[in-house]
Every structure is written in structure tokens, then in C-alpha cells.
N, C-alpha and C. Protein backbone atom coordinates (compact mmCIF):
# COMPACT_ATOMS: atom_id res chain seq x y z
N MET A 1 59.47 25.23 47.60
CA MET A 1 60.87 24.83 47.67
C MET A 1 61.44 25.15 49.08
N GLU A 2 62.05 24.12 49.62
CA GLU A 2 62.57 24.20 50.94
C GLU A 2 64.12 24.04 51.02
N ILE A 3 64.71 24.89 51.82
CA ILE A 3 66.20 24.80 51.90
C ILE A 3 66.56 24.02 53.07
N SER A 4 67.35 22.94 52.91
CA SER A 4 67.73 22.09 54.06
C SER A 4 68.87 22.58 54.77
N ASN A 5 69.15 22.03 55.89
CA ASN A 5 70.27 22.47 56.75
C ASN A 5 71.61 22.20 56.07
N SER A 6 71.65 21.08 55.35
CA SER A 6 72.91 20.71 54.66
C SER A 6 73.24 21.69 53.57
N ASP A 7 72.27 22.26 52.95
CA ASP A 7 72.45 23.35 51.94
C ASP A 7 73.03 24.59 52.48
N VAL A 8 72.49 24.94 53.67
CA VAL A 8 72.90 26.14 54.40
C VAL A 8 74.26 25.96 54.88
N LEU A 9 74.65 24.80 55.35
CA LEU A 9 75.98 24.52 55.90
C LEU A 9 77.00 24.52 54.69
N GLN A 10 76.68 23.97 53.60
CA GLN A 10 77.47 23.91 52.43
C GLN A 10 77.74 25.34 51.86
N LEU A 11 76.74 26.16 51.85
CA LEU A 11 76.88 27.53 51.48
C LEU A 11 77.73 28.42 52.38
N THR A 12 77.54 28.15 53.63
CA THR A 12 78.42 28.84 54.69
C THR A 12 79.81 28.39 54.53
N PHE A 13 80.12 27.09 54.32
CA PHE A 13 81.52 26.68 54.17
C PHE A 13 82.15 27.27 52.98
N GLN A 14 81.38 27.34 51.88
CA GLN A 14 81.90 27.91 50.63
C GLN A 14 82.19 29.40 50.81
N THR A 15 81.32 30.16 51.51
CA THR A 15 81.54 31.54 51.79
C THR A 15 82.83 31.74 52.61
N PHE A 16 83.09 30.97 53.68
CA PHE A 16 84.26 31.17 54.47
C PHE A 16 85.48 30.77 53.68
N LEU A 17 85.41 29.74 52.90
CA LEU A 17 86.56 29.31 52.00
C LEU A 17 86.94 30.43 51.03
N ILE A 18 85.98 31.03 50.34
CA ILE A 18 86.25 32.17 49.45
C ILE A 18 86.87 33.30 50.23
N LEU A 19 86.28 33.61 51.39
CA LEU A 19 86.79 34.68 52.26
C LEU A 19 88.31 34.47 52.54
N VAL A 20 88.61 33.25 53.07
CA VAL A 20 90.03 32.92 53.44
C VAL A 20 90.95 33.00 52.27
N LEU A 21 90.53 32.37 51.20
CA LEU A 21 91.35 32.47 50.01
C LEU A 21 91.59 33.80 49.45
N GLY A 22 90.57 34.68 49.57
CA GLY A 22 90.76 36.06 49.16
C GLY A 22 91.73 36.86 50.07
N MET A 23 91.61 36.60 51.33
CA MET A 23 92.54 37.26 52.16
C MET A 23 93.98 36.80 52.06
N VAL A 24 94.20 35.50 51.82
CA VAL A 24 95.54 35.01 51.44
C VAL A 24 96.08 35.56 50.15
N LEU A 25 95.26 35.66 49.12
CA LEU A 25 95.65 36.15 47.84
C LEU A 25 96.01 37.72 48.01
N TRP A 26 95.18 38.39 48.81
CA TRP A 26 95.33 39.79 48.96
C TRP A 26 96.66 40.00 49.71
N ARG A 27 97.05 39.27 50.68
CA ARG A 27 98.30 39.37 51.44
C ARG A 27 99.43 39.16 50.53
N PHE A 28 99.29 38.07 49.63
CA PHE A 28 100.39 37.77 48.72
C PHE A 28 100.65 38.97 47.73
N VAL A 29 99.59 39.55 47.24
CA VAL A 29 99.68 40.66 46.26
C VAL A 29 100.30 41.87 46.93
N VAL A 30 99.96 42.11 48.20
CA VAL A 30 100.55 43.26 48.89
C VAL A 30 102.00 43.08 49.17
N SER A 31 102.40 41.85 49.56
CA SER A 31 103.74 41.62 49.81
C SER A 31 104.61 41.61 48.53
N TYR A 32 104.10 41.22 47.48
CA TYR A 32 104.73 41.19 46.14
C TYR A 32 104.86 42.68 45.65
N SER A 33 103.85 43.45 45.88
CA SER A 33 103.93 44.79 45.35
C SER A 33 104.87 45.67 46.17
N LYS A 34 105.08 45.34 47.47
CA LYS A 34 106.05 46.05 48.27
C LYS A 34 107.51 45.76 47.84
N LYS A 35 107.73 44.53 47.40
CA LYS A 35 109.09 44.16 46.87
C LYS A 35 109.40 44.92 45.65
N SER A 36 108.45 45.14 44.75
CA SER A 36 108.74 45.68 43.52
C SER A 36 108.62 47.23 43.49
N SER A 37 108.22 47.79 44.61
CA SER A 37 108.03 49.29 44.60
C SER A 37 109.19 50.01 45.26
N LYS A 38 110.38 49.40 45.42
CA LYS A 38 111.50 50.00 46.05
C LYS A 38 112.00 51.14 45.04
N PRO A 39 112.37 52.30 45.58
CA PRO A 39 112.84 53.41 44.73
C PRO A 39 114.18 53.06 44.14
N LYS A 40 114.37 53.49 42.85
CA LYS A 40 115.52 53.17 42.04
C LYS A 40 116.69 53.99 42.35
N GLY A 41 116.54 55.17 42.95
CA GLY A 41 117.61 56.06 43.31
C GLY A 41 118.21 56.78 42.17
N SER A 42 117.45 57.65 41.60
CA SER A 42 117.92 58.41 40.50
C SER A 42 118.98 59.44 40.92
N SER A 43 119.86 59.81 40.09
CA SER A 43 120.87 60.84 40.41
C SER A 43 120.55 62.21 39.73
N TYR A 44 119.25 62.26 39.22
CA TYR A 44 118.79 63.44 38.52
C TYR A 44 118.90 64.75 39.43
N PHE A 45 118.59 64.64 40.74
CA PHE A 45 118.55 65.76 41.59
C PHE A 45 119.81 65.97 42.37
N ASP A 46 120.83 65.13 42.15
CA ASP A 46 122.09 65.25 42.77
C ASP A 46 122.91 66.32 42.08
N THR A 47 122.95 67.49 42.56
CA THR A 47 123.64 68.59 41.92
C THR A 47 124.67 69.30 42.94
N LYS A 48 125.53 70.10 42.43
CA LYS A 48 126.45 70.78 43.28
C LYS A 48 125.71 71.80 44.21
N TYR A 49 124.59 72.40 43.62
CA TYR A 49 123.82 73.35 44.36
C TYR A 49 123.16 72.63 45.60
N LYS A 50 122.70 71.40 45.41
CA LYS A 50 122.01 70.69 46.43
C LYS A 50 123.11 70.36 47.53
N ASP A 51 124.26 70.04 47.09
CA ASP A 51 125.31 69.69 48.08
C ASP A 51 125.66 70.97 48.98
N LYS A 52 125.79 72.08 48.31
CA LYS A 52 126.09 73.34 49.04
C LYS A 52 124.87 73.74 49.96
N TRP A 53 123.63 73.48 49.44
CA TRP A 53 122.51 73.96 50.27
C TRP A 53 122.47 73.09 51.61
N ASN A 54 122.88 71.80 51.54
CA ASN A 54 122.74 70.92 52.67
C ASN A 54 123.76 71.26 53.83
N ARG A 55 124.84 71.99 53.48
CA ARG A 55 125.80 72.37 54.53
C ARG A 55 125.40 73.46 55.43
């Protein structure tokens, strides 16, 4: 069984296509997760003691 040059070229093209699509998808997921990971700003730790301690 012999592998032709066109088979190698097609496999190389598919490899680069998967790599590029994976990088684009990864960047999309990272940007989406940054948008949804903003802190909500709880007032649980806002106390009078904390205000006096900061002065």
C-alpha cells in the first residue's frame, strides 16, 4: 500500500483546518467566559466594623 502526495497534502490541510478551527473556538469560549465571570458585588461583608477599620 502506497501513500500518494495528494493524500499527504489532503491530510496536512485537514490537520491545519482542525487546528485553526480549534483555536478560534477556544478564543470564543475564553471571551464568553470572561463576560460571564464578573463579580456580582455582594453586600455580605459590608459592615460597620469594616468601615471603621478602613479609616
